[in-house]
Protein backbone atom coordinates (compact mmCIF):
# COMPACT_ATOMS: atom_id res chain seq x y z
CA UNK A 1 0.00 0.00 0.00
CA UNK A 2 2.89 2.32 0.84
CA UNK A 3 4.41 1.67 -2.62
CA UNK A 4 1.16 2.54 -4.37
CA UNK A 5 0.83 5.80 -2.45
CA UNK A 6 4.38 6.86 -3.30
CA UNK A 7 3.81 6.05 -6.97
CA UNK A 8 0.63 8.13 -7.07
CA UNK A 9 2.35 11.11 -5.40
CA UNK A 10 5.20 10.89 -7.89
CA UNK A 11 2.77 10.96 -10.84
CA UNK A 12 0.89 13.96 -9.48
CA UNK A 13 4.14 15.87 -8.98
CA UNK A 14 5.08 15.29 -12.64
CA UNK A 15 1.67 16.55 -13.82
CA UNK A 16 2.00 19.66 -11.66
CA UNK A 17 5.41 20.38 -13.16
CA UNK A 18 3.76 21.30 -16.49
CA UNK A 19 2.54 24.89 -16.64
CA UNK A 20 -0.19 26.35 -18.77
CA UNK A 21 1.82 28.47 -21.19
CA UNK A 22 -1.25 30.19 -22.60
CA UNK A 23 -2.13 30.92 -26.24
CA UNK A 24 0.21 32.64 -28.69
CA UNK A 25 -0.73 34.11 -32.09
CA UNK A 26 -4.14 34.25 -33.80
CA UNK A 27 -6.57 31.33 -33.49
CA UNK A 28 -8.95 30.05 -36.11
CA UNK A 29 -12.05 27.92 -35.81
CA UNK A 30 -11.58 24.53 -37.42
CA UNK A 31 -14.36 24.02 -39.89
CA UNK A 32 -14.60 20.95 -42.14
CA UNK A 33 -17.03 20.67 -45.04
CA UNK A 34 -19.59 17.95 -44.64
CA UNK A 35 -19.75 15.09 -47.10
CA UNK A 36 -23.26 16.17 -48.12
CA UNK A 37 -22.05 19.70 -48.92
CA UNK A 38 -19.33 18.30 -51.15
CA UNK A 39 -21.78 16.08 -53.00
CA UNK A 40 -24.18 18.96 -53.52
CA UNK A 41 -21.42 21.15 -54.96
CA UNK A 42 -20.30 18.42 -57.33
CA UNK A 43 -23.90 17.82 -58.40
CA UNK A 44 -24.31 21.47 -59.40
CA UNK A 45 -21.23 21.20 -61.63
CA UNK A 46 -22.52 18.11 -63.51
CA UNK A 47 -23.73 18.78 -67.05
CA UNK A 48 -27.07 16.97 -66.86
CA UNK A 49 -27.99 17.71 -70.47
CA UNK A 50 -24.74 16.20 -71.68
CA UNK A 51 -25.29 13.04 -69.62
CA UNK A 52 -28.88 12.75 -70.85
CA UNK A 53 -27.71 13.13 -74.45
CA UNK A 54 -25.03 10.45 -73.97
CA UNK A 55 -27.57 8.01 -72.50
CA UNK A 56 -30.03 8.62 -75.35
CA UNK A 57 -27.34 8.12 -77.98
CA UNK A 58 -26.21 4.86 -76.35
CA UNK A 59 -29.80 3.60 -76.17
CA UNK A 60 -30.41 4.52 -79.81
CA UNK A 61 -27.26 2.72 -80.96
CA UNK A 62 -28.37 -0.42 -79.10
CA UNK A 63 -31.63 -0.33 -81.09
CA UNK A 64 -29.86 -0.16 -84.45
CA UNK A 65 -30.19 -3.77 -85.57
CA UNK A 66 -27.51 -5.30 -87.81
CA UNK A 67 -27.50 -8.58 -89.71
CA UNK A 68 -25.62 -10.62 -92.29
CA UNK A 69 -28.87 -11.76 -93.96
CA UNK A 70 -29.04 -10.63 -97.60
CA UNK A 71 -31.98 -9.51 -99.71
CA UNK A 72 -33.80 -12.20 -101.70
CA UNK A 73 -32.83 -12.32 -105.36
CA UNK A 74 -35.98 -13.99 -106.70
CA UNK A 75 -39.62 -14.56 -105.88
CA UNK A 76 -40.15 -18.13 -104.76
CA UNK A 77 -41.91 -20.42 -102.30
CA UNK A 78 -40.05 -23.11 -100.38
CA UNK A 79 -40.84 -25.46 -97.50
CA UNK A 80 -39.04 -25.42 -94.17
CA UNK A 81 -39.43 -28.28 -91.71
CA UNK A 82 -38.23 -27.36 -88.20
CA UNK A 83 -36.19 -30.43 -87.32
CA UNK A 84 -34.24 -30.81 -84.08
CA UNK A 85 -31.28 -33.18 -83.80
CA UNK A 86 -30.85 -35.10 -80.52
CA UNK A 87 -27.29 -34.55 -79.30
CA UNK A 88 -27.24 -37.42 -76.78
CA UNK A 89 -29.31 -40.47 -75.84
CA UNK A 90 -32.43 -39.55 -73.90
CA UNK A 91 -33.21 -42.18 -71.25
CA UNK A 92 -35.97 -42.29 -68.63
CA UNK A 93 -34.30 -41.71 -65.24
CA UNK A 94 -33.60 -44.84 -63.15
CA UNK A 95 -34.45 -47.10 -66.10
CA UNK A 96 -32.83 -48.32 -69.32
CA UNK A 97 -35.79 -47.18 -71.45
CA UNK A 98 -34.49 -45.16 -74.41
CA UNK A 99 -36.79 -42.32 -75.51
CA UNK A 100 -34.62 -40.69 -78.18
CA UNK A 101 -31.40 -42.02 -79.62
CA UNK A 102 -28.45 -39.68 -80.25
CA UNK A 103 -28.52 -38.35 -83.82
CA UNK A 104 -32.27 -38.78 -84.18
CA UNK A 105 -34.18 -35.90 -85.76
CA UNK A 106 -37.72 -34.92 -84.90
CA UNK A 107 -40.15 -32.19 -85.96
CA UNK A 108 -40.51 -29.82 -83.01
CA UNK A 109 -43.96 -28.65 -84.17
CA UNK A 110 -45.31 -32.16 -84.49
CA UNK A 111 -43.62 -33.43 -81.33
CA UNK A 112 -45.22 -30.67 -79.24
CA UNK A 113 -48.42 -30.29 -81.28
CA UNK A 114 -47.69 -26.60 -81.96
CA UNK A 115 -49.96 -24.54 -84.17
CA UNK A 116 -48.76 -20.96 -84.60
CA UNK A 117 -51.75 -18.58 -84.74
CA UNK A 118 -49.97 -16.00 -86.90
CA UNK A 119 -47.72 -15.53 -89.93
CA UNK A 120 -44.16 -14.29 -89.46
CA UNK A 121 -42.56 -11.74 -91.75
CA UNK A 122 -38.81 -11.06 -91.62
CA UNK A 123 -37.78 -7.70 -93.11
CA UNK A 124 -34.87 -5.30 -93.57
CA UNK A 125 -35.91 -1.96 -92.08
CA UNK A 126 -33.34 -0.11 -94.19
CA UNK A 127 -35.16 -1.07 -97.40
CA UNK A 128 -38.19 1.11 -98.23
CA UNK A 129 -39.57 -1.58 -100.57
CA UNK A 130 -39.65 -4.12 -97.73
CA UNK A 131 -41.21 -1.60 -95.34
CA UNK A 132 -43.99 -0.88 -97.82
CA UNK A 133 -44.57 -4.61 -98.38
CA UNK A 134 -44.79 -5.16 -94.62
CA UNK A 135 -47.33 -2.33 -94.31
CA UNK A 136 -49.51 -3.90 -97.00
CA UNK A 137 -49.49 -7.33 -95.34
CA UNK A 138 -49.99 -5.86 -91.85
CA UNK A 139 -52.98 -3.81 -93.01
CA UNK A 140 -54.58 -6.96 -94.39
CA UNK A 141 -53.65 -9.54 -91.75
CA UNK A 142 -53.50 -7.21 -88.73
CA UNK A 143 -52.81 -9.23 -85.51
CA UNK A 144 -52.36 -12.39 -87.59
CA UNK A 145 -49.00 -11.10 -88.82
CA UNK A 146 -45.89 -10.85 -86.63
CA UNK A 147 -43.18 -8.59 -88.11
CA UNK A 148 -39.58 -9.37 -87.18
CA UNK A 149 -36.87 -6.79 -87.88
CA UNK A 150 -33.61 -8.25 -89.16
CA UNK A 151 -31.84 -4.96 -89.83
CA UNK A 152 -32.56 -1.26 -89.32
CA UNK A 153 -33.64 1.41 -86.84
CA UNK A 154 -36.02 -0.38 -84.47
CA UNK A 155 -37.00 2.77 -82.55
CA UNK A 156 -37.88 4.71 -85.69
CA UNK A 157 -40.12 1.96 -87.08
CA UNK A 158 -41.72 1.12 -83.73
CA UNK A 159 -43.23 4.62 -83.61
CA UNK A 160 -45.41 3.77 -86.61
CA UNK A 161 -48.81 2.25 -85.70
CA UNK A 162 -48.42 -0.76 -88.01
CA UNK A 163 -45.09 -1.68 -86.43
CA UNK A 164 -45.92 -1.15 -82.74
CA UNK A 165 -45.84 -4.92 -81.99
CA UNK A 166 -42.72 -5.57 -84.10
CA UNK A 167 -40.01 -7.86 -82.70
CA UNK A 168 -36.26 -8.22 -83.34
CA UNK A 169 -34.82 -11.23 -85.19
CA UNK A 170 -31.18 -11.89 -84.23
CA UNK A 171 -28.93 -13.80 -86.63
CA UNK A 172 -27.82 -16.40 -84.07
CA UNK A 173 -31.23 -16.88 -82.49
CA UNK A 174 -34.58 -16.25 -84.25
CA UNK A 175 -33.15 -16.13 -87.78
CA UNK A 176 -31.07 -19.27 -87.18
CA UNK A 177 -33.99 -21.15 -85.61
CA UNK A 178 -36.11 -20.59 -88.71
CA UNK A 179 -33.21 -21.11 -91.15
CA UNK A 180 -33.85 -17.67 -92.63
CA UNK A 181 -32.10 -17.41 -96.00
CA UNK A 182 -33.03 -13.92 -97.19
CA UNK A 183 -35.44 -11.01 -96.68
CA UNK A 184 -38.25 -10.28 -97.02
CA UNK A 185 -39.62 -13.73 -96.14
CA UNK A 186 -43.05 -14.71 -94.87
CA UNK A 187 -43.47 -17.92 -92.85
CA UNK A 188 -46.89 -19.58 -92.79
CA UNK A 189 -47.46 -22.85 -90.94
CA UNK A 190 -49.08 -25.62 -92.97
CA UNK A 191 -49.64 -28.70 -90.81
CA UNK A 192 -46.23 -29.24 -89.20
CA UNK A 193 -44.04 -27.41 -91.74
CA UNK A 194 -43.64 -23.80 -92.80
CA UNK A 195 -44.38 -22.50 -96.26
CA UNK A 196 -41.83 -19.75 -96.84
CA UNK A 197 -42.63 -17.03 -99.38
CA UNK A 198 -39.56 -15.06 -100.45
CA UNK A 199 -39.73 -11.80 -102.39
CA UNK A 200 -37.04 -10.09 -104.39
CA UNK A 201 -37.03 -6.36 -103.49
CA UNK A 202 -35.60 -5.55 -106.91
CA UNK A 203 -38.40 -7.38 -108.70
CA UNK A 204 -41.01 -5.73 -106.49
CA UNK A 205 -39.50 -2.31 -107.20
CA UNK A 206 -39.44 -2.97 -110.93
CA UNK A 207 -43.04 -4.19 -110.87
CA UNK A 208 -44.12 -1.02 -109.03
CA UNK A 209 -42.30 1.19 -111.57
CA UNK A 210 -43.92 -0.65 -114.49
CA UNK A 211 -47.33 -0.18 -112.89
CA UNK A 212 -46.80 3.57 -112.48
CA UNK A 213 -45.82 4.05 -116.12
C-alpha atoms as a PDB file:
ATOM      1  CA  UNK A   1       0.000   0.000   0.000  1.00  0.00           C
ATOM      2  CA  UNK A   2       2.886   2.320   0.843  1.00  0.00           C
ATOM      3  CA  UNK A   3       4.414   1.674  -2.615  1.00  0.00           C
ATOM      4  CA  UNK A   4       1.155   2.538  -4.371  1.00  0.00           C
ATOM      5  CA  UNK A   5       0.826   5.802  -2.448  1.00  0.00           C
ATOM      6  CA  UNK A   6       4.384   6.865  -3.301  1.00  0.00           C
ATOM      7  CA  UNK A   7       3.805   6.045  -6.975  1.00  0.00           C
ATOM      8  CA  UNK A   8       0.627   8.126  -7.068  1.00  0.00           C
ATOM      9  CA  UNK A   9       2.350  11.107  -5.401  1.00  0.00           C
ATOM     10  CA  UNK A  10       5.202  10.892  -7.889  1.00  0.00           C
ATOM     11  CA  UNK A  11       2.766  10.956 -10.844  1.00  0.00           C
ATOM     12  CA  UNK A  12       0.890  13.964  -9.476  1.00  0.00           C
ATOM     13  CA  UNK A  13       4.145  15.865  -8.983  1.00  0.00           C
ATOM     14  CA  UNK A  14       5.075  15.291 -12.642  1.00  0.00           C
ATOM     15  CA  UNK A  15       1.673  16.552 -13.824  1.00  0.00           C
ATOM     16  CA  UNK A  16       1.996  19.655 -11.662  1.00  0.00           C
ATOM     17  CA  UNK A  17       5.408  20.379 -13.157  1.00  0.00           C
ATOM     18  CA  UNK A  18       3.765  21.302 -16.490  1.00  0.00           C
ATOM     19  CA  UNK A  19       2.537  24.894 -16.636  1.00  0.00           C
ATOM     20  CA  UNK A  20      -0.187  26.355 -18.774  1.00  0.00           C
ATOM     21  CA  UNK A  21       1.823  28.465 -21.187  1.00  0.00           C
ATOM     22  CA  UNK A  22      -1.255  30.187 -22.601  1.00  0.00           C
ATOM     23  CA  UNK A  23      -2.128  30.922 -26.242  1.00  0.00           C
ATOM     24  CA  UNK A  24       0.209  32.638 -28.687  1.00  0.00           C
ATOM     25  CA  UNK A  25      -0.735  34.113 -32.093  1.00  0.00           C
ATOM     26  CA  UNK A  26      -4.145  34.248 -33.800  1.00  0.00           C
ATOM     27  CA  UNK A  27      -6.567  31.329 -33.495  1.00  0.00           C
ATOM     28  CA  UNK A  28      -8.947  30.053 -36.109  1.00  0.00           C
ATOM     29  CA  UNK A  29     -12.045  27.921 -35.814  1.00  0.00           C
ATOM     30  CA  UNK A  30     -11.582  24.530 -37.424  1.00  0.00           C
ATOM     31  CA  UNK A  31     -14.359  24.024 -39.895  1.00  0.00           C
ATOM     32  CA  UNK A  32     -14.604  20.951 -42.141  1.00  0.00           C
ATOM     33  CA  UNK A  33     -17.032  20.673 -45.042  1.00  0.00           C
ATOM     34  CA  UNK A  34     -19.589  17.951 -44.640  1.00  0.00           C
ATOM     35  CA  UNK A  35     -19.751  15.088 -47.104  1.00  0.00           C
ATOM     36  CA  UNK A  36     -23.259  16.167 -48.121  1.00  0.00           C
ATOM     37  CA  UNK A  37     -22.050  19.701 -48.925  1.00  0.00           C
ATOM     38  CA  UNK A  38     -19.328  18.298 -51.154  1.00  0.00           C
ATOM     39  CA  UNK A  39     -21.782  16.085 -53.001  1.00  0.00           C
ATOM     40  CA  UNK A  40     -24.184  18.962 -53.524  1.00  0.00           C
ATOM     41  CA  UNK A  41     -21.415  21.150 -54.961  1.00  0.00           C
ATOM     42  CA  UNK A  42     -20.305  18.416 -57.329  1.00  0.00           C
ATOM     43  CA  UNK A  43     -23.900  17.822 -58.402  1.00  0.00           C
ATOM     44  CA  UNK A  44     -24.310  21.473 -59.397  1.00  0.00           C
ATOM     45  CA  UNK A  45     -21.228  21.195 -61.630  1.00  0.00           C
ATOM     46  CA  UNK A  46     -22.523  18.112 -63.512  1.00  0.00           C
ATOM     47  CA  UNK A  47     -23.729  18.781 -67.049  1.00  0.00           C
ATOM     48  CA  UNK A  48     -27.070  16.970 -66.859  1.00  0.00           C
ATOM     49  CA  UNK A  49     -27.992  17.707 -70.465  1.00  0.00           C
ATOM     50  CA  UNK A  50     -24.737  16.197 -71.683  1.00  0.00           C
ATOM     51  CA  UNK A  51     -25.287  13.038 -69.624  1.00  0.00           C
ATOM     52  CA  UNK A  52     -28.884  12.748 -70.852  1.00  0.00           C
ATOM     53  CA  UNK A  53     -27.708  13.134 -74.454  1.00  0.00           C
ATOM     54  CA  UNK A  54     -25.033  10.447 -73.973  1.00  0.00           C
ATOM     55  CA  UNK A  55     -27.569   8.005 -72.505  1.00  0.00           C
ATOM     56  CA  UNK A  56     -30.030   8.623 -75.349  1.00  0.00           C
ATOM     57  CA  UNK A  57     -27.340   8.116 -77.983  1.00  0.00           C
ATOM     58  CA  UNK A  58     -26.212   4.860 -76.351  1.00  0.00           C
ATOM     59  CA  UNK A  59     -29.797   3.601 -76.172  1.00  0.00           C
ATOM     60  CA  UNK A  60     -30.408   4.524 -79.806  1.00  0.00           C
ATOM     61  CA  UNK A  61     -27.258   2.718 -80.956  1.00  0.00           C
ATOM     62  CA  UNK A  62     -28.365  -0.422 -79.103  1.00  0.00           C
ATOM     63  CA  UNK A  63     -31.633  -0.326 -81.093  1.00  0.00           C
ATOM     64  CA  UNK A  64     -29.862  -0.161 -84.451  1.00  0.00           C
ATOM     65  CA  UNK A  65     -30.188  -3.770 -85.572  1.00  0.00           C
ATOM     66  CA  UNK A  66     -27.511  -5.296 -87.812  1.00  0.00           C
ATOM     67  CA  UNK A  67     -27.499  -8.576 -89.713  1.00  0.00           C
ATOM     68  CA  UNK A  68     -25.617 -10.622 -92.287  1.00  0.00           C
ATOM     69  CA  UNK A  69     -28.872 -11.762 -93.957  1.00  0.00           C
ATOM     70  CA  UNK A  70     -29.042 -10.629 -97.600  1.00  0.00           C
ATOM     71  CA  UNK A  71     -31.979  -9.514 -99.708  1.00  0.00           C
ATOM     72  CA  UNK A  72     -33.802 -12.200-101.698  1.00  0.00           C
ATOM     73  CA  UNK A  73     -32.832 -12.315-105.361  1.00  0.00           C
ATOM     74  CA  UNK A  74     -35.977 -13.989-106.698  1.00  0.00           C
ATOM     75  CA  UNK A  75     -39.616 -14.557-105.877  1.00  0.00           C
ATOM     76  CA  UNK A  76     -40.153 -18.126-104.757  1.00  0.00           C
ATOM     77  CA  UNK A  77     -41.909 -20.424-102.303  1.00  0.00           C
ATOM     78  CA  UNK A  78     -40.050 -23.113-100.378  1.00  0.00           C
ATOM     79  CA  UNK A  79     -40.837 -25.459 -97.503  1.00  0.00           C
ATOM     80  CA  UNK A  80     -39.039 -25.416 -94.172  1.00  0.00           C
ATOM     81  CA  UNK A  81     -39.428 -28.284 -91.707  1.00  0.00           C
ATOM     82  CA  UNK A  82     -38.232 -27.357 -88.198  1.00  0.00           C
ATOM     83  CA  UNK A  83     -36.186 -30.426 -87.319  1.00  0.00           C
ATOM     84  CA  UNK A  84     -34.243 -30.806 -84.084  1.00  0.00           C
ATOM     85  CA  UNK A  85     -31.278 -33.178 -83.799  1.00  0.00           C
ATOM     86  CA  UNK A  86     -30.853 -35.102 -80.524  1.00  0.00           C
ATOM     87  CA  UNK A  87     -27.286 -34.550 -79.301  1.00  0.00           C
ATOM     88  CA  UNK A  88     -27.244 -37.421 -76.781  1.00  0.00           C
ATOM     89  CA  UNK A  89     -29.313 -40.465 -75.844  1.00  0.00           C
ATOM     90  CA  UNK A  90     -32.432 -39.550 -73.903  1.00  0.00           C
ATOM     91  CA  UNK A  91     -33.210 -42.177 -71.248  1.00  0.00           C
ATOM     92  CA  UNK A  92     -35.972 -42.294 -68.633  1.00  0.00           C
ATOM     93  CA  UNK A  93     -34.299 -41.706 -65.238  1.00  0.00           C
ATOM     94  CA  UNK A  94     -33.599 -44.840 -63.154  1.00  0.00           C
ATOM     95  CA  UNK A  95     -34.453 -47.098 -66.099  1.00  0.00           C
ATOM     96  CA  UNK A  96     -32.834 -48.321 -69.321  1.00  0.00           C
ATOM     97  CA  UNK A  97     -35.786 -47.179 -71.450  1.00  0.00           C
ATOM     98  CA  UNK A  98     -34.490 -45.156 -74.415  1.00  0.00           C
ATOM     99  CA  UNK A  99     -36.788 -42.323 -75.511  1.00  0.00           C
ATOM    100  CA  UNK A 100     -34.618 -40.691 -78.177  1.00  0.00           C
ATOM    101  CA  UNK A 101     -31.396 -42.022 -79.624  1.00  0.00           C
ATOM    102  CA  UNK A 102     -28.453 -39.683 -80.246  1.00  0.00           C
ATOM    103  CA  UNK A 103     -28.521 -38.345 -83.825  1.00  0.00           C
ATOM    104  CA  UNK A 104     -32.274 -38.778 -84.183  1.00  0.00           C
ATOM    105  CA  UNK A 105     -34.182 -35.900 -85.762  1.00  0.00           C
ATOM    106  CA  UNK A 106     -37.719 -34.915 -84.895  1.00  0.00           C
ATOM    107  CA  UNK A 107     -40.149 -32.195 -85.962  1.00  0.00           C
ATOM    108  CA  UNK A 108     -40.507 -29.823 -83.014  1.00  0.00           C
ATOM    109  CA  UNK A 109     -43.958 -28.647 -84.170  1.00  0.00           C
ATOM    110  CA  UNK A 110     -45.312 -32.162 -84.488  1.00  0.00           C
ATOM    111  CA  UNK A 111     -43.616 -33.426 -81.326  1.00  0.00           C
ATOM    112  CA  UNK A 112     -45.219 -30.669 -79.245  1.00  0.00           C
ATOM    113  CA  UNK A 113     -48.423 -30.287 -81.279  1.00  0.00           C
ATOM    114  CA  UNK A 114     -47.686 -26.605 -81.956  1.00  0.00           C
ATOM    115  CA  UNK A 115     -49.962 -24.541 -84.171  1.00  0.00           C
ATOM    116  CA  UNK A 116     -48.762 -20.958 -84.599  1.00  0.00           C
ATOM    117  CA  UNK A 117     -51.747 -18.575 -84.736  1.00  0.00           C
ATOM    118  CA  UNK A 118     -49.974 -16.001 -86.898  1.00  0.00           C
ATOM    119  CA  UNK A 119     -47.716 -15.534 -89.933  1.00  0.00           C
ATOM    120  CA  UNK A 120     -44.158 -14.285 -89.457  1.00  0.00           C
ATOM    121  CA  UNK A 121     -42.556 -11.740 -91.750  1.00  0.00           C
ATOM    122  CA  UNK A 122     -38.809 -11.058 -91.621  1.00  0.00           C
ATOM    123  CA  UNK A 123     -37.781  -7.697 -93.106  1.00  0.00           C
ATOM    124  CA  UNK A 124     -34.866  -5.302 -93.568  1.00  0.00           C
ATOM    125  CA  UNK A 125     -35.911  -1.956 -92.081  1.00  0.00           C
ATOM    126  CA  UNK A 126     -33.344  -0.108 -94.188  1.00  0.00           C
ATOM    127  CA  UNK A 127     -35.162  -1.072 -97.399  1.00  0.00           C
ATOM    128  CA  UNK A 128     -38.189   1.105 -98.230  1.00  0.00           C
ATOM    129  CA  UNK A 129     -39.575  -1.584-100.566  1.00  0.00           C
ATOM    130  CA  UNK A 130     -39.650  -4.121 -97.733  1.00  0.00           C
ATOM    131  CA  UNK A 131     -41.209  -1.603 -95.344  1.00  0.00           C
ATOM    132  CA  UNK A 132     -43.995  -0.881 -97.824  1.00  0.00           C
ATOM    133  CA  UNK A 133     -44.570  -4.611 -98.382  1.00  0.00           C
ATOM    134  CA  UNK A 134     -44.794  -5.157 -94.617  1.00  0.00           C
ATOM    135  CA  UNK A 135     -47.334  -2.333 -94.314  1.00  0.00           C
ATOM    136  CA  UNK A 136     -49.514  -3.900 -97.004  1.00  0.00           C
ATOM    137  CA  UNK A 137     -49.492  -7.333 -95.341  1.00  0.00           C
ATOM    138  CA  UNK A 138     -49.988  -5.860 -91.851  1.00  0.00           C
ATOM    139  CA  UNK A 139     -52.977  -3.813 -93.013  1.00  0.00           C
ATOM    140  CA  UNK A 140     -54.576  -6.965 -94.393  1.00  0.00           C
ATOM    141  CA  UNK A 141     -53.654  -9.536 -91.749  1.00  0.00           C
ATOM    142  CA  UNK A 142     -53.504  -7.208 -88.728  1.00  0.00           C
ATOM    143  CA  UNK A 143     -52.811  -9.227 -85.515  1.00  0.00           C
ATOM    144  CA  UNK A 144     -52.362 -12.390 -87.589  1.00  0.00           C
ATOM    145  CA  UNK A 145     -48.997 -11.103 -88.819  1.00  0.00           C
ATOM    146  CA  UNK A 146     -45.890 -10.851 -86.633  1.00  0.00           C
ATOM    147  CA  UNK A 147     -43.178  -8.594 -88.115  1.00  0.00           C
ATOM    148  CA  UNK A 148     -39.578  -9.370 -87.182  1.00  0.00           C
ATOM    149  CA  UNK A 149     -36.868  -6.787 -87.885  1.00  0.00           C
ATOM    150  CA  UNK A 150     -33.611  -8.255 -89.158  1.00  0.00           C
ATOM    151  CA  UNK A 151     -31.842  -4.959 -89.831  1.00  0.00           C
ATOM    152  CA  UNK A 152     -32.559  -1.255 -89.324  1.00  0.00           C
ATOM    153  CA  UNK A 153     -33.637   1.406 -86.844  1.00  0.00           C
ATOM    154  CA  UNK A 154     -36.017  -0.378 -84.474  1.00  0.00           C
ATOM    155  CA  UNK A 155     -36.995   2.771 -82.554  1.00  0.00           C
ATOM    156  CA  UNK A 156     -37.885   4.708 -85.687  1.00  0.00           C
ATOM    157  CA  UNK A 157     -40.125   1.958 -87.080  1.00  0.00           C
ATOM    158  CA  UNK A 158     -41.720   1.121 -83.733  1.00  0.00           C
ATOM    159  CA  UNK A 159     -43.235   4.625 -83.606  1.00  0.00           C
ATOM    160  CA  UNK A 160     -45.410   3.774 -86.615  1.00  0.00           C
ATOM    161  CA  UNK A 161     -48.814   2.249 -85.701  1.00  0.00           C
ATOM    162  CA  UNK A 162     -48.423  -0.764 -88.010  1.00  0.00           C
ATOM    163  CA  UNK A 163     -45.090  -1.683 -86.434  1.00  0.00           C
ATOM    164  CA  UNK A 164     -45.921  -1.148 -82.744  1.00  0.00           C
ATOM    165  CA  UNK A 165     -45.841  -4.919 -81.995  1.00  0.00           C
ATOM    166  CA  UNK A 166     -42.719  -5.567 -84.099  1.00  0.00           C
ATOM    167  CA  UNK A 167     -40.007  -7.865 -82.696  1.00  0.00           C
ATOM    168  CA  UNK A 168     -36.261  -8.225 -83.343  1.00  0.00           C
ATOM    169  CA  UNK A 169     -34.818 -11.231 -85.194  1.00  0.00           C
ATOM    170  CA  UNK A 170     -31.184 -11.891 -84.233  1.00  0.00           C
ATOM    171  CA  UNK A 171     -28.932 -13.799 -86.626  1.00  0.00           C
ATOM    172  CA  UNK A 172     -27.817 -16.398 -84.066  1.00  0.00           C
ATOM    173  CA  UNK A 173     -31.228 -16.879 -82.493  1.00  0.00           C
ATOM    174  CA  UNK A 174     -34.576 -16.251 -84.247  1.00  0.00           C
ATOM    175  CA  UNK A 175     -33.153 -16.134 -87.782  1.00  0.00           C
ATOM    176  CA  UNK A 176     -31.069 -19.266 -87.179  1.00  0.00           C
ATOM    177  CA  UNK A 177     -33.989 -21.152 -85.610  1.00  0.00           C
ATOM    178  CA  UNK A 178     -36.114 -20.587 -88.714  1.00  0.00           C
ATOM    179  CA  UNK A 179     -33.215 -21.109 -91.150  1.00  0.00           C
ATOM    180  CA  UNK A 180     -33.846 -17.668 -92.630  1.00  0.00           C
ATOM    181  CA  UNK A 181     -32.098 -17.409 -95.998  1.00  0.00           C
ATOM    182  CA  UNK A 182     -33.034 -13.925 -97.192  1.00  0.00           C
ATOM    183  CA  UNK A 183     -35.438 -11.011 -96.675  1.00  0.00           C
ATOM    184  CA  UNK A 184     -38.250 -10.281 -97.018  1.00  0.00           C
ATOM    185  CA  UNK A 185     -39.620 -13.726 -96.141  1.00  0.00           C
ATOM    186  CA  UNK A 186     -43.045 -14.705 -94.868  1.00  0.00           C
ATOM    187  CA  UNK A 187     -43.474 -17.922 -92.853  1.00  0.00           C
ATOM    188  CA  UNK A 188     -46.886 -19.575 -92.790  1.00  0.00           C
ATOM    189  CA  UNK A 189     -47.459 -22.851 -90.940  1.00  0.00           C
ATOM    190  CA  UNK A 190     -49.081 -25.622 -92.968  1.00  0.00           C
ATOM    191  CA  UNK A 191     -49.644 -28.700 -90.806  1.00  0.00           C
ATOM    192  CA  UNK A 192     -46.231 -29.236 -89.202  1.00  0.00           C
ATOM    193  CA  UNK A 193     -44.044 -27.415 -91.736  1.00  0.00           C
ATOM    194  CA  UNK A 194     -43.636 -23.802 -92.803  1.00  0.00           C
ATOM    195  CA  UNK A 195     -44.381 -22.504 -96.262  1.00  0.00           C
ATOM    196  CA  UNK A 196     -41.826 -19.748 -96.840  1.00  0.00           C
ATOM    197  CA  UNK A 197     -42.628 -17.033 -99.379  1.00  0.00           C
ATOM    198  CA  UNK A 198     -39.563 -15.062-100.453  1.00  0.00           C
ATOM    199  CA  UNK A 199     -39.732 -11.801-102.394  1.00  0.00           C
ATOM    200  CA  UNK A 200     -37.035 -10.088-104.391  1.00  0.00           C
ATOM    201  CA  UNK A 201     -37.031  -6.357-103.486  1.00  0.00           C
ATOM    202  CA  UNK A 202     -35.601  -5.550-106.911  1.00  0.00           C
ATOM    203  CA  UNK A 203     -38.404  -7.385-108.698  1.00  0.00           C
ATOM    204  CA  UNK A 204     -41.009  -5.732-106.488  1.00  0.00           C
ATOM    205  CA  UNK A 205     -39.501  -2.312-107.201  1.00  0.00           C
ATOM    206  CA  UNK A 206     -39.442  -2.973-110.929  1.00  0.00           C
ATOM    207  CA  UNK A 207     -43.042  -4.187-110.865  1.00  0.00           C
ATOM    208  CA  UNK A 208     -44.123  -1.020-109.033  1.00  0.00           C
ATOM    209  CA  UNK A 209     -42.297   1.191-111.567  1.00  0.00           C
ATOM    210  CA  UNK A 210     -43.923  -0.647-114.492  1.00  0.00           C
ATOM    211  CA  UNK A 211     -47.334  -0.180-112.890  1.00  0.00           C
ATOM    212  CA  UNK A 212     -46.796   3.569-112.479  1.00  0.00           C
ATOM    213  CA  UNK A 213     -45.819   4.050-116.124  1.00  0.00           C
END
